[in-house]
N, C-alpha and C. Protein backbone atom coordinates (compact mmCIF):
# COMPACT_ATOMS: atom_id res chain seq x y z
N THR A 1 38.57 -38.11 89.38
CA THR A 1 38.60 -36.65 89.80
C THR A 1 38.83 -36.38 88.11
N ARG A 2 37.97 -35.29 88.00
CA ARG A 2 37.43 -34.51 86.67
C ARG A 2 37.13 -33.08 86.50
N HIS A 3 37.87 -32.26 86.02
CA HIS A 3 37.48 -31.21 85.65
C HIS A 3 36.53 -30.76 84.71
N ILE A 4 35.18 -30.33 85.14
CA ILE A 4 34.09 -29.61 84.24
C ILE A 4 34.04 -28.26 84.11
N SER A 5 34.47 -27.85 82.98
CA SER A 5 34.82 -26.31 82.64
C SER A 5 33.54 -25.42 82.30
N GLU A 6 32.72 -26.24 81.69
CA GLU A 6 31.06 -25.42 81.58
C GLU A 6 30.77 -25.22 82.93
N LEU A 7 30.64 -26.07 83.95
CA LEU A 7 30.06 -25.50 84.90
C LEU A 7 31.40 -25.20 86.00
N GLU A 8 32.68 -24.66 85.60
CA GLU A 8 33.64 -24.44 86.63
C GLU A 8 33.48 -24.99 88.03
N LEU A 9 33.75 -26.08 88.04
CA LEU A 9 33.90 -27.09 89.03
C LEU A 9 35.02 -28.35 88.94
N THR A 10 35.09 -28.89 90.11
CA THR A 10 36.38 -30.11 89.95
C THR A 10 35.08 -31.11 90.40
N ALA A 11 35.32 -32.36 90.14
CA ALA A 11 34.43 -33.40 90.47
C ALA A 11 35.53 -34.26 91.32
N ILE A 12 35.29 -34.82 92.76
CA ILE A 12 36.39 -36.30 93.13
C ILE A 12 35.31 -37.02 93.40
N GLN A 13 35.17 -38.49 92.61
CA GLN A 13 34.55 -39.42 93.04
C GLN A 13 34.85 -40.30 93.95
N LEU A 14 34.57 -40.87 95.11
CA LEU A 14 35.71 -41.68 95.94
C LEU A 14 34.56 -43.09 95.71
N ARG A 15 35.13 -44.07 96.17
CA ARG A 15 34.48 -45.13 96.82
C ARG A 15 34.85 -45.75 97.67
N HIS A 16 34.17 -46.21 99.10
CA HIS A 16 34.95 -46.88 99.65
C HIS A 16 34.99 -48.40 99.45
N GLU A 17 36.40 -49.14 99.70
CA GLU A 17 36.50 -50.50 98.98
C GLU A 17 35.55 -51.59 100.05
N ALA A 18 35.95 -51.63 101.39
CA ALA A 18 35.00 -52.37 102.00
C ALA A 18 33.83 -52.24 101.95
N THR A 19 33.02 -51.35 101.84
CA THR A 19 31.67 -51.08 101.86
C THR A 19 30.80 -50.70 100.36
N GLY A 20 31.73 -50.55 99.83
CA GLY A 20 31.06 -49.91 98.41
C GLY A 20 30.55 -48.52 98.06
N ALA A 21 30.20 -47.96 99.52
CA ALA A 21 29.98 -46.52 99.67
C ALA A 21 30.59 -45.20 98.69
N GLU A 22 29.52 -44.77 98.25
CA GLU A 22 30.23 -43.51 97.35
C GLU A 22 30.21 -42.25 97.82
N HIS A 23 31.09 -41.41 97.32
CA HIS A 23 30.84 -40.09 98.05
C HIS A 23 31.27 -39.12 96.75
N LEU A 24 30.69 -38.04 96.26
CA LEU A 24 30.96 -37.34 95.44
C LEU A 24 30.76 -35.84 96.14
N HIS A 25 32.95 -35.58 95.74
CA HIS A 25 33.21 -34.68 96.39
C HIS A 25 32.97 -33.04 95.13
N ILE A 26 32.12 -32.01 95.29
CA ILE A 26 32.59 -31.11 94.30
C ILE A 26 33.24 -29.52 94.31
N VAL A 27 34.32 -29.47 93.93
CA VAL A 27 35.05 -28.30 94.30
C VAL A 27 34.52 -27.02 93.77
N ARG A 28 34.41 -25.95 94.18
CA ARG A 28 33.77 -24.90 92.99
C ARG A 28 34.21 -23.52 94.08
N GLU A 29 34.53 -22.43 93.53
CA GLU A 29 34.82 -21.24 94.21
C GLU A 29 33.26 -20.42 94.34
N ASP A 30 32.73 -20.79 94.99
CA ASP A 30 31.34 -20.35 95.52
C ASP A 30 31.31 -20.51 97.36
N ASP A 31 30.37 -19.34 97.48
CA ASP A 31 30.33 -19.08 98.98
C ASP A 31 29.25 -20.09 99.67
N ASN A 32 28.33 -20.57 98.72
CA ASN A 32 27.22 -21.84 99.15
C ASN A 32 27.93 -22.86 99.49
N ASN A 33 27.18 -23.60 100.67
CA ASN A 33 27.63 -25.21 100.48
C ASN A 33 26.20 -25.51 101.03
N VAL A 34 26.15 -26.59 100.50
CA VAL A 34 25.25 -27.60 100.97
C VAL A 34 26.01 -29.24 100.62
N PHE A 35 25.10 -30.17 101.57
CA PHE A 35 25.57 -31.48 100.94
C PHE A 35 24.35 -32.37 101.13
N GLY A 36 24.49 -33.77 100.80
CA GLY A 36 22.96 -34.59 100.80
C GLY A 36 23.52 -35.95 100.80
N VAL A 37 22.79 -36.84 101.42
CA VAL A 37 23.26 -38.31 101.71
C VAL A 37 21.57 -38.89 101.00
N GLY A 38 22.43 -39.75 100.66
CA GLY A 38 21.68 -40.72 100.16
C GLY A 38 21.71 -42.24 99.88
N PHE A 39 20.78 -43.05 100.27
CA PHE A 39 20.86 -44.22 100.17
C PHE A 39 19.47 -45.14 99.38
N SER A 40 19.93 -46.24 98.78
CA SER A 40 18.78 -47.02 98.52
C SER A 40 18.01 -47.46 99.12
N THR A 41 16.63 -47.49 99.64
CA THR A 41 15.29 -48.39 100.39
C THR A 41 14.55 -48.37 99.40
N PRO A 42 15.06 -49.95 98.58
CA PRO A 42 14.04 -50.22 97.83
C PRO A 42 13.02 -51.40 98.54
N PRO A 43 11.70 -50.92 98.48
CA PRO A 43 10.23 -51.76 99.13
C PRO A 43 10.16 -53.02 98.86
N THR A 44 10.08 -53.86 99.60
CA THR A 44 9.88 -55.40 99.58
C THR A 44 8.17 -55.62 98.46
N ASN A 45 7.53 -54.49 98.81
CA ASN A 45 5.81 -54.76 98.63
C ASN A 45 5.54 -53.45 97.75
N SER A 46 4.39 -53.27 97.41
CA SER A 46 3.64 -51.94 96.93
C SER A 46 2.59 -51.22 98.13
N SER A 47 2.81 -51.94 99.49
CA SER A 47 1.82 -51.09 100.41
C SER A 47 1.68 -49.42 101.03
N GLY A 48 3.17 -48.92 100.41
CA GLY A 48 3.51 -47.42 100.79
C GLY A 48 3.70 -47.48 101.78
N THR A 49 4.47 -48.58 102.92
CA THR A 49 5.22 -48.50 104.04
C THR A 49 6.28 -47.74 103.84
N SER A 50 7.14 -47.87 102.84
CA SER A 50 8.58 -46.95 102.88
C SER A 50 8.23 -45.56 102.81
N HIS A 51 7.39 -45.14 101.78
CA HIS A 51 6.51 -43.83 101.79
C HIS A 51 6.29 -43.00 102.77
N ILE A 52 5.57 -43.72 103.71
CA ILE A 52 5.06 -43.45 105.22
C ILE A 52 6.40 -43.33 105.96
N LEU A 53 7.10 -44.21 106.39
CA LEU A 53 8.23 -44.20 107.02
C LEU A 53 9.09 -42.87 106.61
N GLU A 54 9.48 -42.25 105.29
CA GLU A 54 9.67 -41.14 104.86
C GLU A 54 9.78 -40.27 105.48
N HIS A 55 7.83 -39.86 105.21
CA HIS A 55 7.56 -38.84 106.12
C HIS A 55 7.39 -38.64 107.80
N THR A 56 7.56 -39.71 108.34
CA THR A 56 7.72 -39.69 109.49
C THR A 56 8.90 -39.35 110.30
N ALA A 57 9.74 -40.00 109.40
CA ALA A 57 11.12 -39.44 109.77
C ALA A 57 11.19 -38.31 109.70
N LEU A 58 10.61 -37.22 108.70
CA LEU A 58 10.93 -35.96 108.50
C LEU A 58 9.73 -34.97 109.77
N CYS A 59 9.60 -35.69 110.19
CA CYS A 59 8.26 -35.33 111.20
C CYS A 59 8.75 -34.71 112.68
N GLY A 60 10.30 -35.39 112.99
CA GLY A 60 11.10 -34.83 114.22
C GLY A 60 10.57 -35.95 114.93
N SER A 61 10.97 -35.49 116.50
CA SER A 61 11.12 -36.27 117.54
C SER A 61 10.69 -35.65 118.72
N LYS A 62 10.23 -36.36 119.84
CA LYS A 62 10.26 -35.63 121.16
C LYS A 62 11.02 -34.56 121.67
N LYS A 63 12.44 -34.76 121.54
CA LYS A 63 13.61 -34.16 121.81
C LYS A 63 13.67 -32.72 120.55
N PHE A 64 13.29 -33.33 119.05
CA PHE A 64 13.65 -32.41 118.48
C PHE A 64 11.82 -32.37 117.45
N PRO A 65 11.30 -31.71 118.01
CA PRO A 65 9.65 -31.72 117.14
C PRO A 65 9.94 -30.67 116.10
N VAL A 66 9.02 -31.07 114.93
CA VAL A 66 8.88 -30.40 113.78
C VAL A 66 7.74 -30.85 113.02
N ARG A 67 6.75 -29.92 112.79
CA ARG A 67 6.18 -30.11 112.45
C ARG A 67 5.95 -30.68 110.57
N ASP A 68 5.31 -31.14 110.14
CA ASP A 68 6.01 -32.07 108.97
C ASP A 68 6.14 -30.77 107.94
N PRO A 69 7.20 -30.93 107.53
CA PRO A 69 8.24 -29.60 106.81
C PRO A 69 7.39 -29.87 105.19
N PHE A 70 6.96 -30.30 104.77
CA PHE A 70 6.28 -30.07 103.49
C PHE A 70 4.78 -29.15 103.74
N PHE A 71 4.58 -29.27 104.97
CA PHE A 71 3.19 -28.30 105.13
C PHE A 71 4.16 -26.83 105.50
N LYS A 72 5.12 -26.64 105.78
CA LYS A 72 5.82 -25.51 106.14
C LYS A 72 6.38 -24.88 104.94
N MET A 73 6.63 -25.46 103.91
CA MET A 73 6.92 -24.90 102.68
C MET A 73 6.18 -25.12 101.64
N LEU A 74 4.90 -25.21 101.57
CA LEU A 74 3.66 -25.23 100.87
C LEU A 74 3.60 -23.94 100.12
N ASN A 75 4.47 -22.62 100.40
CA ASN A 75 4.23 -21.44 100.17
C ASN A 75 5.45 -21.28 99.35
N ARG A 76 6.38 -22.16 99.51
CA ARG A 76 7.80 -21.78 98.54
C ARG A 76 7.96 -22.46 97.54
N SER A 77 8.71 -22.63 96.33
CA SER A 77 8.94 -23.21 95.16
C SER A 77 9.45 -24.50 95.46
N LEU A 78 10.09 -24.81 96.43
CA LEU A 78 10.80 -26.25 96.64
C LEU A 78 10.22 -26.98 96.98
N ALA A 79 8.81 -27.08 97.54
CA ALA A 79 7.80 -27.90 97.86
C ALA A 79 8.03 -29.09 97.06
N ASN A 80 7.37 -28.95 95.73
CA ASN A 80 7.32 -30.07 95.19
C ASN A 80 8.61 -30.86 94.98
N PHE A 81 9.70 -30.21 94.73
CA PHE A 81 11.23 -30.82 94.71
C PHE A 81 11.58 -31.44 96.04
N MET A 82 10.97 -31.39 97.08
CA MET A 82 11.24 -31.67 97.96
C MET A 82 10.57 -33.00 98.67
N ASN A 83 9.28 -33.08 98.22
CA ASN A 83 8.79 -33.92 97.91
C ASN A 83 9.20 -35.42 96.94
N ALA A 84 9.59 -34.86 95.95
CA ALA A 84 10.08 -35.72 94.80
C ALA A 84 11.62 -36.55 95.22
N PHE A 85 12.25 -35.45 96.58
CA PHE A 85 13.83 -35.73 96.55
C PHE A 85 13.57 -37.04 97.64
N THR A 86 12.48 -37.07 98.35
CA THR A 86 12.98 -37.78 99.55
C THR A 86 12.03 -39.58 98.76
């Protein structure tokens, strides 16, 4: 646990002993809430398959159809960040 006064927050870093999974919890007096999940998916070659699968996963399914969210976000400033985030 570490308090960061410049950002007015307390960061709590946790690690699951059995799996090594990490969790960073940020405590701050703010009504906005957000979460993110990240995991490493290193490619085994440079074919681009990993990147294609990332985009495919974001396109939904039969039960939850979603047109590619990148095209929906073209008129927003987050479009570049979202593509880089994947």
